[in-house]
N, C-alpha and C. Protein backbone atom coordinates (compact mmCIF):
# COMPACT_ATOMS: atom_id res chain seq x y z
N UNK A 1 12.57 -8.82 21.55
CA UNK A 1 13.97 -8.76 21.18
C UNK A 1 14.81 -8.36 22.39
N UNK A 2 15.87 -9.07 22.61
CA UNK A 2 16.72 -8.76 23.77
C UNK A 2 17.42 -7.43 23.61
N UNK A 3 17.75 -7.07 22.38
CA UNK A 3 18.46 -5.82 22.11
C UNK A 3 17.63 -4.96 21.18
N UNK A 4 16.93 -3.98 21.74
CA UNK A 4 16.06 -3.12 20.93
C UNK A 4 16.84 -2.22 19.99
N UNK A 5 18.14 -2.11 20.19
CA UNK A 5 18.93 -1.27 19.30
C UNK A 5 19.35 -2.01 18.04
N UNK A 6 19.13 -3.32 17.99
CA UNK A 6 19.48 -4.12 16.82
C UNK A 6 18.37 -3.99 15.78
N UNK A 7 18.60 -3.12 14.80
CA UNK A 7 17.62 -2.92 13.73
C UNK A 7 18.16 -3.44 12.40
N UNK A 8 18.97 -4.49 12.48
CA UNK A 8 19.45 -5.12 11.26
C UNK A 8 18.28 -5.79 10.54
N UNK A 9 18.42 -5.96 9.24
CA UNK A 9 17.33 -6.50 8.42
C UNK A 9 16.88 -7.87 8.90
N UNK A 10 17.80 -8.78 9.12
CA UNK A 10 17.41 -10.14 9.51
C UNK A 10 16.82 -10.19 10.92
N UNK A 11 17.29 -9.31 11.81
CA UNK A 11 16.70 -9.26 13.15
C UNK A 11 15.24 -8.83 13.08
N UNK A 12 14.96 -7.80 12.29
CA UNK A 12 13.58 -7.33 12.16
C UNK A 12 12.71 -8.35 11.44
N UNK A 13 13.29 -9.06 10.46
CA UNK A 13 12.53 -10.10 9.76
C UNK A 13 12.13 -11.22 10.74
N UNK A 14 13.06 -11.60 11.61
CA UNK A 14 12.74 -12.63 12.60
C UNK A 14 11.70 -12.13 13.59
N UNK A 15 11.76 -10.83 13.94
CA UNK A 15 10.75 -10.26 14.84
C UNK A 15 9.36 -10.36 14.22
N UNK A 16 9.25 -10.04 12.93
CA UNK A 16 7.96 -10.15 12.23
C UNK A 16 7.46 -11.59 12.29
N UNK A 17 8.35 -12.53 12.02
CA UNK A 17 7.96 -13.94 12.05
C UNK A 17 7.50 -14.36 13.44
N UNK A 18 8.20 -13.90 14.47
CA UNK A 18 7.84 -14.26 15.85
C UNK A 18 6.47 -13.69 16.22
N UNK A 19 6.21 -12.45 15.82
CA UNK A 19 4.91 -11.83 16.11
C UNK A 19 3.79 -12.60 15.41
N UNK A 20 3.98 -12.92 14.14
CA UNK A 20 2.96 -13.67 13.40
C UNK A 20 2.73 -15.05 14.02
N UNK A 21 3.80 -15.70 14.45
CA UNK A 21 3.66 -17.02 15.08
C UNK A 21 2.82 -16.94 16.34
N UNK A 22 3.00 -15.88 17.12
CA UNK A 22 2.21 -15.71 18.34
C UNK A 22 0.76 -15.36 18.02
N UNK A 23 0.56 -14.52 17.02
CA UNK A 23 -0.80 -14.10 16.68
C UNK A 23 -1.66 -15.25 16.19
N UNK A 24 -1.05 -16.15 15.42
CA UNK A 24 -1.83 -17.20 14.76
C UNK A 24 -1.56 -18.58 15.30
N UNK A 25 -0.93 -18.69 16.46
CA UNK A 25 -0.57 -19.99 17.02
C UNK A 25 -1.79 -20.85 17.32
N UNK A 26 -2.89 -20.22 17.72
CA UNK A 26 -4.07 -20.98 18.12
C UNK A 26 -5.07 -21.19 17.00
N UNK A 27 -4.77 -20.72 15.79
CA UNK A 27 -5.70 -20.88 14.68
C UNK A 27 -5.85 -22.35 14.32
N UNK A 28 -7.10 -22.79 14.21
CA UNK A 28 -7.36 -24.20 13.87
C UNK A 28 -7.39 -24.42 12.37
N UNK A 29 -7.46 -23.35 11.61
CA UNK A 29 -7.44 -23.47 10.15
C UNK A 29 -6.26 -22.69 9.60
N UNK A 30 -5.88 -23.00 8.37
CA UNK A 30 -4.76 -22.32 7.74
C UNK A 30 -5.04 -20.83 7.60
N UNK A 31 -4.14 -20.00 8.08
CA UNK A 31 -4.26 -18.55 7.97
C UNK A 31 -3.37 -18.08 6.83
N UNK A 32 -3.99 -17.57 5.79
CA UNK A 32 -3.22 -17.06 4.66
C UNK A 32 -2.72 -15.66 4.99
N UNK A 33 -1.48 -15.40 4.65
CA UNK A 33 -0.87 -14.12 5.01
C UNK A 33 -0.44 -13.35 3.77
N UNK A 34 -0.62 -12.04 3.82
CA UNK A 34 -0.05 -11.13 2.84
C UNK A 34 0.74 -10.10 3.61
N UNK A 35 2.01 -9.99 3.33
CA UNK A 35 2.90 -9.07 4.04
C UNK A 35 2.89 -7.72 3.35
N UNK A 36 2.77 -6.64 4.11
CA UNK A 36 2.73 -5.29 3.56
C UNK A 36 3.73 -4.43 4.32
N UNK A 37 4.57 -3.71 3.59
CA UNK A 37 5.54 -2.84 4.25
C UNK A 37 5.83 -1.61 3.43
N UNK A 38 6.04 -0.49 4.11
CA UNK A 38 6.35 0.78 3.45
C UNK A 38 7.79 1.18 3.74
N UNK A 39 8.51 1.63 2.71
CA UNK A 39 9.88 2.12 2.86
C UNK A 39 10.75 1.04 3.49
N UNK A 40 11.41 1.32 4.62
CA UNK A 40 12.22 0.30 5.25
C UNK A 40 11.39 -0.94 5.60
N UNK A 41 10.14 -0.72 5.96
CA UNK A 41 9.25 -1.84 6.24
C UNK A 41 9.03 -2.73 5.03
N UNK A 42 9.08 -2.11 3.84
CA UNK A 42 8.97 -2.89 2.62
C UNK A 42 10.17 -3.81 2.44
N UNK A 43 11.36 -3.31 2.81
CA UNK A 43 12.56 -4.14 2.74
C UNK A 43 12.45 -5.33 3.69
N UNK A 44 11.87 -5.10 4.86
CA UNK A 44 11.67 -6.18 5.83
C UNK A 44 10.65 -7.19 5.29
N UNK A 45 9.55 -6.69 4.74
CA UNK A 45 8.53 -7.59 4.20
C UNK A 45 9.09 -8.46 3.09
N UNK A 46 9.92 -7.87 2.22
CA UNK A 46 10.52 -8.64 1.13
C UNK A 46 11.44 -9.73 1.68
N UNK A 47 12.18 -9.42 2.74
CA UNK A 47 13.08 -10.40 3.34
C UNK A 47 12.30 -11.54 3.98
N UNK A 48 11.23 -11.21 4.69
CA UNK A 48 10.40 -12.24 5.32
C UNK A 48 9.82 -13.16 4.25
N UNK A 49 9.34 -12.57 3.16
CA UNK A 49 8.76 -13.37 2.08
C UNK A 49 9.81 -14.24 1.41
N UNK A 50 11.00 -13.68 1.17
CA UNK A 50 12.06 -14.44 0.51
C UNK A 50 12.46 -15.66 1.34
N UNK A 51 12.59 -15.49 2.65
CA UNK A 51 13.01 -16.58 3.52
C UNK A 51 11.85 -17.47 3.96
N UNK A 52 10.63 -17.10 3.57
CA UNK A 52 9.43 -17.87 3.91
C UNK A 52 9.34 -18.08 5.42
N UNK A 53 9.52 -16.98 6.16
CA UNK A 53 9.51 -17.05 7.61
C UNK A 53 8.10 -17.11 8.19
N UNK A 54 7.12 -16.66 7.42
CA UNK A 54 5.72 -16.71 7.87
C UNK A 54 4.99 -17.75 7.04
N UNK A 55 4.41 -18.72 7.70
CA UNK A 55 3.73 -19.80 7.00
C UNK A 55 2.55 -19.29 6.17
N UNK A 56 2.32 -19.95 5.06
CA UNK A 56 1.17 -19.68 4.20
C UNK A 56 1.14 -18.25 3.67
N UNK A 57 2.32 -17.68 3.44
CA UNK A 57 2.38 -16.35 2.84
C UNK A 57 1.97 -16.44 1.38
N UNK A 58 0.95 -15.70 1.02
CA UNK A 58 0.42 -15.74 -0.35
C UNK A 58 0.88 -14.55 -1.18
N UNK A 59 1.32 -13.49 -0.51
CA UNK A 59 1.73 -12.32 -1.27
C UNK A 59 2.54 -11.35 -0.43
N UNK A 60 3.23 -10.44 -1.11
CA UNK A 60 3.98 -9.39 -0.43
C UNK A 60 3.74 -8.08 -1.17
N UNK A 61 3.45 -7.04 -0.42
CA UNK A 61 3.20 -5.71 -0.97
C UNK A 61 4.28 -4.76 -0.44
N UNK A 62 5.01 -4.16 -1.35
CA UNK A 62 6.06 -3.21 -0.99
C UNK A 62 5.63 -1.83 -1.46
N UNK A 63 5.62 -0.87 -0.54
CA UNK A 63 5.12 0.47 -0.85
C UNK A 63 6.27 1.47 -0.93
N UNK A 64 6.48 1.99 -2.10
CA UNK A 64 7.39 3.08 -2.44
C UNK A 64 8.81 2.91 -1.89
N UNK A 65 9.41 1.79 -2.23
CA UNK A 65 10.85 1.64 -1.97
C UNK A 65 11.40 0.64 -2.97
N UNK A 66 12.49 1.02 -3.62
CA UNK A 66 13.23 0.12 -4.50
C UNK A 66 14.71 0.28 -4.20
N UNK A 67 15.46 -0.75 -4.50
CA UNK A 67 16.86 -0.79 -4.09
C UNK A 67 17.68 0.39 -4.60
N UNK A 68 17.61 0.67 -5.89
CA UNK A 68 18.47 1.69 -6.48
C UNK A 68 18.29 3.07 -5.87
N UNK A 69 17.05 3.54 -5.82
CA UNK A 69 16.80 4.88 -5.29
C UNK A 69 17.00 4.93 -3.78
N UNK A 70 16.70 3.83 -3.09
CA UNK A 70 16.90 3.82 -1.64
C UNK A 70 18.38 3.91 -1.28
N UNK A 71 19.21 3.14 -1.98
CA UNK A 71 20.64 3.20 -1.71
C UNK A 71 21.22 4.56 -2.04
N UNK A 72 20.77 5.14 -3.15
CA UNK A 72 21.25 6.48 -3.50
C UNK A 72 20.88 7.48 -2.42
N UNK A 73 19.71 7.31 -1.82
CA UNK A 73 19.25 8.22 -0.79
C UNK A 73 20.07 8.08 0.49
N UNK A 74 20.25 6.85 0.98
CA UNK A 74 20.94 6.67 2.26
C UNK A 74 22.43 6.96 2.14
N UNK A 75 22.97 6.92 0.92
CA UNK A 75 24.39 7.24 0.74
C UNK A 75 24.64 8.73 0.54
N UNK A 76 23.57 9.48 0.37
CA UNK A 76 23.69 10.90 0.07
C UNK A 76 23.73 11.77 1.32
N UNK A 77 24.19 12.98 1.11
CA UNK A 77 24.28 13.94 2.21
C UNK A 77 22.90 14.42 2.64
N UNK A 78 21.97 14.51 1.69
CA UNK A 78 20.64 15.04 1.98
C UNK A 78 19.93 14.22 3.06
N UNK A 79 20.09 12.90 3.00
CA UNK A 79 19.44 12.03 3.99
C UNK A 79 19.97 12.32 5.40
N UNK A 80 21.28 12.42 5.52
CA UNK A 80 21.86 12.67 6.84
C UNK A 80 21.51 14.08 7.34
N UNK A 81 21.43 15.03 6.43
CA UNK A 81 21.03 16.38 6.83
C UNK A 81 19.59 16.41 7.30
N UNK A 82 18.74 15.65 6.61
CA UNK A 82 17.32 15.59 7.00
C UNK A 82 17.16 14.99 8.38
N UNK A 83 17.91 13.92 8.65
CA UNK A 83 17.84 13.28 9.96
C UNK A 83 18.37 14.22 11.04
N UNK A 84 19.46 14.93 10.74
CA UNK A 84 20.05 15.85 11.71
C UNK A 84 19.13 17.02 12.02
N UNK A 85 18.26 17.37 11.06
CA UNK A 85 17.36 18.51 11.24
C UNK A 85 16.11 18.16 12.04
N UNK A 86 15.91 16.89 12.32
CA UNK A 86 14.72 16.49 13.09
C UNK A 86 14.81 17.03 14.51
N UNK A 87 13.73 17.61 15.03
CA UNK A 87 13.76 18.06 16.43
C UNK A 87 13.89 16.85 17.35
N UNK A 88 14.48 17.04 18.50
CA UNK A 88 14.68 15.93 19.42
C UNK A 88 13.41 15.60 20.21
N UNK A 89 12.49 16.56 20.26
CA UNK A 89 11.27 16.31 21.01
C UNK A 89 10.19 17.33 20.71
N UNK A 90 9.03 17.12 21.32
CA UNK A 90 7.87 17.98 21.10
C UNK A 90 7.15 18.20 22.43
N UNK A 91 6.50 19.34 22.53
CA UNK A 91 5.75 19.64 23.75
C UNK A 91 4.49 18.79 23.86
N UNK A 92 3.95 18.37 22.72
CA UNK A 92 2.72 17.61 22.71
C UNK A 92 2.67 16.72 21.48
N UNK A 93 1.75 15.76 21.47
CA UNK A 93 1.56 14.91 20.29
C UNK A 93 1.06 15.76 19.13
N UNK A 94 0.22 16.74 19.44
CA UNK A 94 -0.28 17.63 18.39
C UNK A 94 0.88 18.37 17.71
N UNK A 95 1.88 18.74 18.50
CA UNK A 95 3.05 19.40 17.93
C UNK A 95 3.84 18.48 17.02
N UNK A 96 3.92 17.20 17.38
CA UNK A 96 4.60 16.22 16.54
C UNK A 96 3.86 16.03 15.23
N UNK A 97 2.53 15.96 15.33
CA UNK A 97 1.70 15.81 14.12
C UNK A 97 1.90 17.01 13.20
N UNK A 98 1.87 18.19 13.77
CA UNK A 98 2.02 19.42 12.99
C UNK A 98 3.39 19.45 12.29
N UNK A 99 4.43 19.05 12.99
CA UNK A 99 5.77 19.04 12.39
C UNK A 99 5.84 18.05 11.22
N UNK A 100 5.30 16.87 11.42
CA UNK A 100 5.34 15.84 10.36
C UNK A 100 4.59 16.29 9.12
N UNK A 101 3.44 16.94 9.32
CA UNK A 101 2.60 17.30 8.19
C UNK A 101 2.99 18.62 7.55
N UNK A 102 3.42 19.59 8.36
CA UNK A 102 3.66 20.94 7.84
C UNK A 102 5.13 21.25 7.56
N UNK A 103 6.02 20.67 8.35
CA UNK A 103 7.44 20.99 8.20
C UNK A 103 8.16 19.89 7.42
N UNK A 104 8.16 18.68 7.95
CA UNK A 104 8.84 17.58 7.27
C UNK A 104 8.06 17.11 6.04
N UNK A 105 6.76 17.38 6.04
CA UNK A 105 5.87 16.94 4.96
C UNK A 105 6.02 15.45 4.71
N UNK A 106 6.05 14.71 5.82
CA UNK A 106 6.03 13.25 5.73
C UNK A 106 4.81 12.80 4.95
N UNK A 107 3.72 13.51 5.14
CA UNK A 107 2.50 13.31 4.36
C UNK A 107 1.83 14.65 4.18
N UNK A 108 1.11 14.81 3.08
CA UNK A 108 0.34 16.03 2.85
C UNK A 108 -1.05 15.93 3.43
N UNK A 109 -1.39 14.77 3.99
CA UNK A 109 -2.71 14.49 4.51
C UNK A 109 -2.68 14.61 6.04
N UNK A 110 -3.23 15.70 6.56
CA UNK A 110 -3.19 15.95 8.00
C UNK A 110 -3.94 14.87 8.77
N UNK A 111 -5.03 14.38 8.23
CA UNK A 111 -5.79 13.33 8.90
C UNK A 111 -4.93 12.07 9.05
N UNK A 112 -4.18 11.73 8.00
CA UNK A 112 -3.29 10.58 8.07
C UNK A 112 -2.19 10.80 9.11
N UNK A 113 -1.65 12.02 9.15
CA UNK A 113 -0.61 12.33 10.13
C UNK A 113 -1.12 12.16 11.55
N UNK A 114 -2.37 12.53 11.77
CA UNK A 114 -2.96 12.38 13.11
C UNK A 114 -3.08 10.91 13.51
N UNK A 115 -3.23 10.04 12.50
CA UNK A 115 -3.36 8.61 12.78
C UNK A 115 -2.01 7.93 12.94
N UNK A 116 -1.02 8.35 12.15
CA UNK A 116 0.25 7.62 12.11
C UNK A 116 1.33 8.17 13.05
N UNK A 117 1.27 9.45 13.40
CA UNK A 117 2.36 10.05 14.16
C UNK A 117 2.39 9.65 15.64
N UNK A 118 1.25 9.56 16.35
CA UNK A 118 1.33 9.30 17.79
C UNK A 118 2.15 8.07 18.18
N UNK A 119 2.14 7.01 17.37
CA UNK A 119 2.88 5.80 17.74
C UNK A 119 4.38 5.95 17.53
N UNK A 120 4.82 7.04 16.90
CA UNK A 120 6.25 7.24 16.64
C UNK A 120 6.93 8.02 17.76
N UNK A 121 6.16 8.50 18.73
CA UNK A 121 6.74 9.24 19.86
C UNK A 121 6.31 8.60 21.17
N UNK A 122 7.09 8.85 22.20
CA UNK A 122 6.80 8.33 23.54
C UNK A 122 7.05 9.45 24.55
N UNK A 123 6.45 9.37 25.74
CA UNK A 123 6.74 10.40 26.75
C UNK A 123 8.24 10.46 27.05
N UNK A 124 8.73 11.66 27.20
CA UNK A 124 10.16 11.83 27.49
C UNK A 124 10.54 11.10 28.76
N UNK A 125 11.63 10.39 28.74
CA UNK A 125 12.09 9.66 29.91
C UNK A 125 12.82 10.61 30.86
N UNK A 126 12.40 10.59 32.11
CA UNK A 126 13.05 11.41 33.13
C UNK A 126 12.72 12.88 33.04
N UNK A 127 11.77 13.24 32.18
CA UNK A 127 11.45 14.66 32.05
C UNK A 127 10.46 15.06 33.13
N UNK A 128 10.70 16.22 33.73
CA UNK A 128 9.79 16.70 34.78
C UNK A 128 8.68 17.56 34.20
N UNK A 129 8.91 18.09 33.01
CA UNK A 129 7.92 19.00 32.44
C UNK A 129 7.11 18.35 31.33
N UNK A 130 7.19 17.03 31.22
CA UNK A 130 6.44 16.33 30.19
C UNK A 130 7.09 16.45 28.84
N UNK A 131 6.28 16.28 27.82
CA UNK A 131 6.79 16.33 26.46
C UNK A 131 6.99 14.94 25.89
N UNK A 132 7.35 14.91 24.62
CA UNK A 132 7.48 13.64 23.90
C UNK A 132 8.77 13.63 23.09
N UNK A 133 9.34 12.45 22.95
CA UNK A 133 10.53 12.25 22.14
C UNK A 133 10.29 11.11 21.16
N UNK A 134 11.15 10.99 20.16
CA UNK A 134 10.99 9.93 19.17
C UNK A 134 11.13 8.55 19.81
N UNK A 135 10.29 7.62 19.41
CA UNK A 135 10.41 6.25 19.89
C UNK A 135 11.76 5.65 19.46
N UNK A 136 12.16 5.97 18.22
CA UNK A 136 13.44 5.48 17.69
C UNK A 136 14.28 6.68 17.27
N UNK A 137 15.51 6.73 17.73
CA UNK A 137 16.44 7.77 17.31
C UNK A 137 17.06 7.33 15.98
N UNK A 138 16.52 7.88 14.88
CA UNK A 138 16.94 7.44 13.55
C UNK A 138 18.43 7.64 13.33
N UNK A 139 19.00 8.66 13.91
CA UNK A 139 20.43 8.92 13.70
C UNK A 139 21.31 7.77 14.19
N UNK A 140 20.82 7.00 15.15
CA UNK A 140 21.60 5.89 15.69
C UNK A 140 21.44 4.61 14.87
N UNK A 141 20.61 4.65 13.83
CA UNK A 141 20.40 3.46 13.01
C UNK A 141 21.19 3.51 11.71
N UNK A 142 22.00 4.54 11.51
CA UNK A 142 22.64 4.75 10.21
C UNK A 142 23.52 3.57 9.78
N UNK A 143 24.08 2.83 10.75
CA UNK A 143 24.94 1.71 10.37
C UNK A 143 24.16 0.58 9.69
N UNK A 144 22.84 0.62 9.81
CA UNK A 144 22.01 -0.43 9.21
C UNK A 144 21.43 -0.03 7.85
N UNK A 145 21.49 1.23 7.49
CA UNK A 145 20.76 1.72 6.33
C UNK A 145 21.06 0.94 5.06
N UNK A 146 22.33 0.81 4.72
CA UNK A 146 22.66 0.11 3.47
C UNK A 146 22.22 -1.35 3.53
N UNK A 147 22.35 -1.98 4.67
CA UNK A 147 21.96 -3.38 4.82
C UNK A 147 20.48 -3.61 4.58
N UNK A 148 19.66 -2.60 4.86
CA UNK A 148 18.22 -2.74 4.61
C UNK A 148 17.94 -2.89 3.13
N UNK A 149 18.68 -2.14 2.31
CA UNK A 149 18.30 -2.02 0.90
C UNK A 149 19.20 -2.74 -0.09
N UNK A 150 20.47 -2.97 0.25
CA UNK A 150 21.37 -3.65 -0.68
C UNK A 150 20.86 -5.07 -0.94
N UNK A 151 20.61 -5.40 -2.19
CA UNK A 151 20.09 -6.72 -2.55
C UNK A 151 18.59 -6.84 -2.45
N UNK A 152 17.89 -5.74 -2.19
CA UNK A 152 16.45 -5.81 -1.99
C UNK A 152 15.70 -6.28 -3.24
N UNK A 153 16.12 -5.82 -4.43
CA UNK A 153 15.42 -6.22 -5.66
C UNK A 153 15.43 -7.74 -5.81
N UNK A 154 16.58 -8.35 -5.56
CA UNK A 154 16.69 -9.80 -5.68
C UNK A 154 15.83 -10.50 -4.64
N UNK A 155 15.79 -9.96 -3.42
CA UNK A 155 14.97 -10.56 -2.37
C UNK A 155 13.50 -10.49 -2.74
N UNK A 156 13.08 -9.34 -3.23
CA UNK A 156 11.68 -9.16 -3.62
C UNK A 156 11.31 -10.09 -4.77
N UNK A 157 12.13 -10.13 -5.79
CA UNK A 157 11.80 -10.91 -6.99
C UNK A 157 11.90 -12.41 -6.76
N UNK A 158 12.73 -12.84 -5.82
CA UNK A 158 12.89 -14.27 -5.59
C UNK A 158 11.86 -14.85 -4.63
N UNK A 159 11.07 -14.01 -4.01
CA UNK A 159 10.02 -14.51 -3.10
C UNK A 159 9.03 -15.37 -3.89
N UNK A 160 8.71 -16.54 -3.34
CA UNK A 160 7.83 -17.47 -4.05
C UNK A 160 6.37 -17.22 -3.68
N UNK A 161 5.91 -16.03 -4.00
CA UNK A 161 4.52 -15.65 -3.77
C UNK A 161 4.19 -14.51 -4.71
N UNK A 162 2.94 -14.11 -4.74
CA UNK A 162 2.53 -12.98 -5.58
C UNK A 162 3.16 -11.70 -5.03
N UNK A 163 3.43 -10.76 -5.93
CA UNK A 163 4.15 -9.54 -5.52
C UNK A 163 3.47 -8.30 -6.11
N UNK A 164 3.33 -7.28 -5.27
CA UNK A 164 2.78 -6.00 -5.69
C UNK A 164 3.71 -4.89 -5.23
N UNK A 165 4.04 -4.01 -6.15
CA UNK A 165 4.88 -2.84 -5.84
C UNK A 165 4.04 -1.59 -6.05
N UNK A 166 3.86 -0.82 -4.99
CA UNK A 166 3.09 0.43 -5.04
C UNK A 166 4.08 1.59 -5.02
N UNK A 167 4.01 2.43 -6.05
CA UNK A 167 4.98 3.51 -6.18
C UNK A 167 4.30 4.86 -6.38
N UNK A 168 5.02 5.91 -5.98
CA UNK A 168 4.54 7.26 -6.23
C UNK A 168 4.84 7.72 -7.65
N UNK A 169 5.74 7.01 -8.34
CA UNK A 169 6.07 7.39 -9.71
C UNK A 169 6.94 6.35 -10.38
N UNK A 170 6.81 6.21 -11.69
CA UNK A 170 7.59 5.21 -12.41
C UNK A 170 9.09 5.50 -12.36
N UNK A 171 9.45 6.77 -12.16
CA UNK A 171 10.87 7.12 -12.12
C UNK A 171 11.60 6.48 -10.95
N UNK A 172 10.85 5.93 -9.98
CA UNK A 172 11.48 5.28 -8.84
C UNK A 172 11.97 3.86 -9.17
N UNK A 173 11.51 3.28 -10.28
CA UNK A 173 11.94 1.94 -10.65
C UNK A 173 13.41 1.94 -11.05
N UNK A 174 14.19 0.99 -10.52
CA UNK A 174 15.57 0.84 -10.97
C UNK A 174 15.60 -0.14 -12.14
N UNK A 175 16.78 -0.37 -12.70
CA UNK A 175 16.89 -1.18 -13.91
C UNK A 175 16.38 -2.61 -13.70
N UNK A 176 16.76 -3.22 -12.58
CA UNK A 176 16.38 -4.61 -12.33
C UNK A 176 14.86 -4.76 -12.26
N UNK A 177 14.21 -3.83 -11.59
CA UNK A 177 12.76 -3.92 -11.45
C UNK A 177 12.05 -3.54 -12.75
N UNK A 178 12.62 -2.63 -13.52
CA UNK A 178 12.02 -2.27 -14.81
C UNK A 178 11.98 -3.50 -15.72
N UNK A 179 13.08 -4.23 -15.79
CA UNK A 179 13.15 -5.44 -16.62
C UNK A 179 12.17 -6.49 -16.08
N UNK A 180 12.16 -6.68 -14.76
CA UNK A 180 11.29 -7.69 -14.16
C UNK A 180 9.81 -7.37 -14.38
N UNK A 181 9.46 -6.09 -14.32
CA UNK A 181 8.07 -5.72 -14.57
C UNK A 181 7.68 -6.03 -16.01
N UNK A 182 8.57 -5.76 -16.94
CA UNK A 182 8.30 -6.05 -18.34
C UNK A 182 8.13 -7.55 -18.56
N UNK A 183 8.76 -8.35 -17.72
CA UNK A 183 8.64 -9.81 -17.81
C UNK A 183 7.45 -10.35 -17.03
N UNK A 184 6.69 -9.47 -16.40
CA UNK A 184 5.49 -9.88 -15.67
C UNK A 184 5.76 -10.57 -14.35
N UNK A 185 6.91 -10.27 -13.71
CA UNK A 185 7.26 -10.96 -12.48
C UNK A 185 6.60 -10.35 -11.25
N UNK A 186 6.05 -9.16 -11.38
CA UNK A 186 5.30 -8.56 -10.28
C UNK A 186 4.32 -7.55 -10.85
N UNK A 187 3.35 -7.19 -10.03
CA UNK A 187 2.39 -6.16 -10.41
C UNK A 187 2.85 -4.82 -9.86
N UNK A 188 2.50 -3.76 -10.55
CA UNK A 188 2.85 -2.42 -10.08
C UNK A 188 1.65 -1.50 -10.19
N UNK A 189 1.49 -0.65 -9.19
CA UNK A 189 0.43 0.36 -9.19
C UNK A 189 1.10 1.71 -8.89
N UNK A 190 0.78 2.71 -9.70
CA UNK A 190 1.40 4.03 -9.56
C UNK A 190 0.40 5.05 -9.04
N UNK A 191 0.88 5.92 -8.15
CA UNK A 191 0.10 7.03 -7.62
C UNK A 191 0.91 8.31 -7.82
N UNK A 192 0.90 8.86 -9.02
CA UNK A 192 1.78 9.99 -9.36
C UNK A 192 1.52 11.27 -8.57
N UNK A 193 0.35 11.38 -7.95
CA UNK A 193 0.05 12.59 -7.19
C UNK A 193 0.41 12.47 -5.71
N UNK A 194 0.97 11.32 -5.34
CA UNK A 194 1.32 11.08 -3.94
C UNK A 194 2.81 11.30 -3.72
N UNK A 195 3.16 11.49 -2.46
CA UNK A 195 4.56 11.56 -2.09
C UNK A 195 5.05 10.19 -1.64
N UNK A 196 6.15 10.17 -0.90
CA UNK A 196 6.74 8.90 -0.48
C UNK A 196 5.77 8.08 0.37
N UNK A 197 5.01 8.73 1.23
CA UNK A 197 4.03 8.02 2.06
C UNK A 197 2.73 7.86 1.27
N UNK A 198 2.79 7.02 0.25
CA UNK A 198 1.65 6.84 -0.65
C UNK A 198 0.38 6.48 0.11
N UNK A 199 0.50 5.56 1.05
CA UNK A 199 -0.65 5.07 1.79
C UNK A 199 -1.25 6.13 2.71
N UNK A 200 -0.50 7.17 3.02
CA UNK A 200 -1.03 8.25 3.84
C UNK A 200 -1.55 9.40 2.97
N UNK A 201 -0.89 9.67 1.87
CA UNK A 201 -1.35 10.74 0.99
C UNK A 201 -2.64 10.36 0.28
N UNK A 202 -2.75 9.09 -0.14
CA UNK A 202 -3.95 8.63 -0.83
C UNK A 202 -4.42 7.31 -0.20
N UNK A 203 -4.89 7.38 1.04
CA UNK A 203 -5.21 6.15 1.79
C UNK A 203 -6.31 5.30 1.17
N UNK A 204 -7.36 5.94 0.64
CA UNK A 204 -8.47 5.15 0.09
C UNK A 204 -8.04 4.39 -1.15
N UNK A 205 -7.39 5.08 -2.09
CA UNK A 205 -6.99 4.43 -3.34
C UNK A 205 -5.91 3.37 -3.09
N UNK A 206 -5.00 3.65 -2.18
CA UNK A 206 -3.96 2.68 -1.86
C UNK A 206 -4.59 1.44 -1.21
N UNK A 207 -5.53 1.66 -0.31
CA UNK A 207 -6.21 0.53 0.34
C UNK A 207 -6.95 -0.32 -0.68
N UNK A 208 -7.59 0.33 -1.64
CA UNK A 208 -8.29 -0.42 -2.68
C UNK A 208 -7.34 -1.31 -3.47
N UNK A 209 -6.17 -0.77 -3.79
CA UNK A 209 -5.17 -1.55 -4.55
C UNK A 209 -4.68 -2.74 -3.73
N UNK A 210 -4.39 -2.51 -2.45
CA UNK A 210 -3.88 -3.59 -1.61
C UNK A 210 -4.97 -4.64 -1.37
N UNK A 211 -6.19 -4.20 -1.07
CA UNK A 211 -7.27 -5.16 -0.81
C UNK A 211 -7.62 -5.96 -2.06
N UNK A 212 -7.54 -5.31 -3.21
CA UNK A 212 -7.78 -6.04 -4.44
C UNK A 212 -6.75 -7.14 -4.64
N UNK A 213 -5.50 -6.83 -4.35
CA UNK A 213 -4.41 -7.81 -4.43
C UNK A 213 -4.64 -8.94 -3.44
N UNK A 214 -4.98 -8.60 -2.20
CA UNK A 214 -5.24 -9.60 -1.17
C UNK A 214 -6.39 -10.51 -1.58
N UNK A 215 -7.45 -9.91 -2.11
CA UNK A 215 -8.60 -10.70 -2.52
C UNK A 215 -8.26 -11.70 -3.61
N UNK A 216 -7.37 -11.31 -4.52
CA UNK A 216 -7.01 -12.20 -5.62
C UNK A 216 -6.13 -13.36 -5.16
N UNK A 217 -5.24 -13.09 -4.22
CA UNK A 217 -4.25 -14.12 -3.89
C UNK A 217 -4.41 -14.77 -2.52
N UNK A 218 -5.13 -14.13 -1.63
CA UNK A 218 -5.35 -14.74 -0.32
C UNK A 218 -6.79 -15.14 -0.10
N UNK A 219 -7.71 -14.55 -0.88
CA UNK A 219 -9.11 -14.91 -0.78
C UNK A 219 -9.77 -14.36 0.47
N UNK A 220 -11.08 -14.32 0.45
CA UNK A 220 -11.83 -13.92 1.62
C UNK A 220 -11.94 -12.43 1.83
N UNK A 221 -11.29 -11.63 0.99
CA UNK A 221 -11.34 -10.18 1.13
C UNK A 221 -11.66 -9.60 -0.23
N UNK A 222 -12.59 -8.66 -0.26
CA UNK A 222 -12.93 -8.00 -1.53
C UNK A 222 -12.52 -6.55 -1.44
N UNK A 223 -12.11 -5.98 -2.58
CA UNK A 223 -11.66 -4.58 -2.59
C UNK A 223 -12.84 -3.64 -2.43
């Protein structure tokens, strides 16, 4: 991407498509794809699936994000306060992991935090004493927040492929998705003991659900 600060929904959707095109350009046989995204990544996955930007997409998995609750969150004061409270940097990667798991409680699973946190920080630029800073300054992305989620239910439901919604609780479903689930338009799996990072709090069970879905609709993979 020429402009790394452009985190608009369609820009990120095109980036996903470009990466997939490069990864599978030399494949001599049809590569079936299942798109998986968590939170904002789920909004991107739904957009890619809706626009059919990745060839042979057989399914889309969205993890713990729905339009209604996401919009309520990004429009609220609590979200901006949480972002403002994030430290600007850490002395070490271990310190970043500890903050995510113990302070922010991004996940309750310390092992998962050790796997997922290192890629979210980079060495401080121009620092003489070392340390790490966030790869992305979330506070600078606020102008995109509503655009990620407004219309997401329609994008998800209109995708012409199999759909799986993984949630931490049924209370996260908004009206549109509640009706659509009752009509059998997508599958849903609930993990009531998990937090927002379902795949990190309960990685084995979440993986089983996703792999089972992939096996049914893309083939070649068993749960």
